[in-house]
Amino acid sequence: MKTVYKWKSGIAEAAQSYISLKRQTGMKFEIQERYLRHFDTFYYSNGFEGTTLTKEIVNDFIYVIRVK
């Protein structure tokens, strides 16, 4: 059984709305949703707050993804 992901960060609402919008257009959007969940966890775990994305945050996330 699939576990339901619990969104944590300040961007959670925007990410969920974006996923919903993409699915309404007929896209499966599974891989992209997985990356958004990873980003949500990264954003929250590193103490970022609010809904503003900076170049630093995005670059740090890209670095983490590439290292894995």
C-alpha atoms as a PDB file:
ATOM      1  CA  MET A   1       0.000   0.000   0.000  1.00  0.00           C
ATOM      2  CA  LYS A   2       1.268   3.439  -0.909  1.00  0.00           C
ATOM      3  CA  THR A   3       1.911   5.786   1.962  1.00  0.00           C
ATOM      4  CA  VAL A   4       0.546   9.289   1.639  1.00  0.00           C
ATOM      5  CA  TYR A   5       3.241  11.957   1.618  1.00  0.00           C
ATOM      6  CA  LYS A   6       2.792  14.645   4.266  1.00  0.00           C
ATOM      7  CA  TRP A   7       3.811  18.030   2.848  1.00  0.00           C
ATOM      8  CA  LYS A   8       5.827  20.127   5.303  1.00  0.00           C
ATOM      9  CA  SER A   9       7.323  23.282   3.814  1.00  0.00           C
ATOM     10  CA  GLY A  10       6.083  26.759   3.040  1.00  0.00           C
ATOM     11  CA  ILE A  11       5.821  25.840  -0.635  1.00  0.00           C
ATOM     12  CA  ALA A  12       3.594  22.815   0.048  1.00  0.00           C
ATOM     13  CA  GLU A  13       0.330  24.471  -0.944  1.00  0.00           C
ATOM     14  CA  ALA A  14       1.740  25.859  -4.192  1.00  0.00           C
ATOM     15  CA  ALA A  15       3.321  22.514  -5.081  1.00  0.00           C
ATOM     16  CA  GLN A  16       0.095  20.614  -4.442  1.00  0.00           C
ATOM     17  CA  SER A  17      -1.902  23.101  -6.516  1.00  0.00           C
ATOM     18  CA  TYR A  18       0.601  22.775  -9.355  1.00  0.00           C
ATOM     19  CA  ILE A  19       0.432  18.972  -9.267  1.00  0.00           C
ATOM     20  CA  SER A  20      -3.355  19.078  -9.242  1.00  0.00           C
ATOM     21  CA  LEU A  21      -3.423  21.468 -12.193  1.00  0.00           C
ATOM     22  CA  LYS A  22      -1.102  19.253 -14.234  1.00  0.00           C
ATOM     23  CA  ARG A  23      -3.189  16.155 -13.482  1.00  0.00           C
ATOM     24  CA  GLN A  24      -6.367  17.959 -14.510  1.00  0.00           C
ATOM     25  CA  THR A  25      -4.809  18.486 -17.926  1.00  0.00           C
ATOM     26  CA  GLY A  26      -4.354  14.719 -18.259  1.00  0.00           C
ATOM     27  CA  MET A  27      -0.712  14.381 -17.301  1.00  0.00           C
ATOM     28  CA  LYS A  28       0.345  11.555 -14.983  1.00  0.00           C
ATOM     29  CA  PHE A  29       2.987  13.822 -13.420  1.00  0.00           C
ATOM     30  CA  GLU A  30       4.422  11.062 -11.211  1.00  0.00           C
ATOM     31  CA  ILE A  31       8.166  11.646 -11.618  1.00  0.00           C
ATOM     32  CA  GLN A  32       7.733  15.405 -11.368  1.00  0.00           C
ATOM     33  CA  GLU A  33       5.672  14.986  -8.197  1.00  0.00           C
ATOM     34  CA  ARG A  34       8.439  12.842  -6.709  1.00  0.00           C
ATOM     35  CA  TYR A  35      10.959  15.638  -7.349  1.00  0.00           C
ATOM     36  CA  LEU A  36       8.601  18.189  -5.784  1.00  0.00           C
ATOM     37  CA  ARG A  37       8.238  15.966  -2.702  1.00  0.00           C
ATOM     38  CA  HIS A  38      12.035  15.700  -2.463  1.00  0.00           C
ATOM     39  CA  PHE A  39      12.303  19.468  -2.784  1.00  0.00           C
ATOM     40  CA  ASP A  40       9.635  19.956  -0.121  1.00  0.00           C
ATOM     41  CA  THR A  41      11.592  17.737   2.281  1.00  0.00           C
ATOM     42  CA  PHE A  42      14.868  19.492   1.419  1.00  0.00           C
ATOM     43  CA  TYR A  43      13.294  22.936   1.846  1.00  0.00           C
ATOM     44  CA  TYR A  44      11.795  22.047   5.221  1.00  0.00           C
ATOM     45  CA  SER A  45      14.796  20.088   6.544  1.00  0.00           C
ATOM     46  CA  ASN A  46      17.204  22.922   5.810  1.00  0.00           C
ATOM     47  CA  GLY A  47      15.158  25.481   7.715  1.00  0.00           C
ATOM     48  CA  PHE A  48      13.942  27.518   4.759  1.00  0.00           C
ATOM     49  CA  GLU A  49      10.679  29.334   5.414  1.00  0.00           C
ATOM     50  CA  GLY A  50       8.039  31.101   3.392  1.00  0.00           C
ATOM     51  CA  THR A  51       7.309  30.757  -0.300  1.00  0.00           C
ATOM     52  CA  THR A  52      10.240  32.609  -1.813  1.00  0.00           C
ATOM     53  CA  LEU A  53      12.730  30.556  -3.805  1.00  0.00           C
ATOM     54  CA  THR A  54      16.227  31.911  -4.106  1.00  0.00           C
ATOM     55  CA  LYS A  55      19.011  30.910  -6.440  1.00  0.00           C
ATOM     56  CA  GLU A  56      20.918  29.564  -3.424  1.00  0.00           C
ATOM     57  CA  ILE A  57      18.085  27.235  -2.382  1.00  0.00           C
ATOM     58  CA  VAL A  58      17.599  25.872  -5.881  1.00  0.00           C
ATOM     59  CA  ASN A  59      21.338  25.395  -6.488  1.00  0.00           C
ATOM     60  CA  ASP A  60      21.743  23.598  -3.153  1.00  0.00           C
ATOM     61  CA  PHE A  61      18.888  21.254  -4.043  1.00  0.00           C
ATOM     62  CA  ILE A  62      20.306  20.545  -7.509  1.00  0.00           C
ATOM     63  CA  TYR A  63      23.663  19.734  -5.917  1.00  0.00           C
ATOM     64  CA  VAL A  64      22.025  17.298  -3.462  1.00  0.00           C
ATOM     65  CA  ILE A  65      20.071  15.576  -6.253  1.00  0.00           C
ATOM     66  CA  ARG A  66      23.162  15.178  -8.442  1.00  0.00           C
ATOM     67  CA  VAL A  67      25.274  13.775  -5.602  1.00  0.00           C
ATOM     68  CA  LYS A  68      22.747  11.013  -4.856  1.00  0.00           C
END
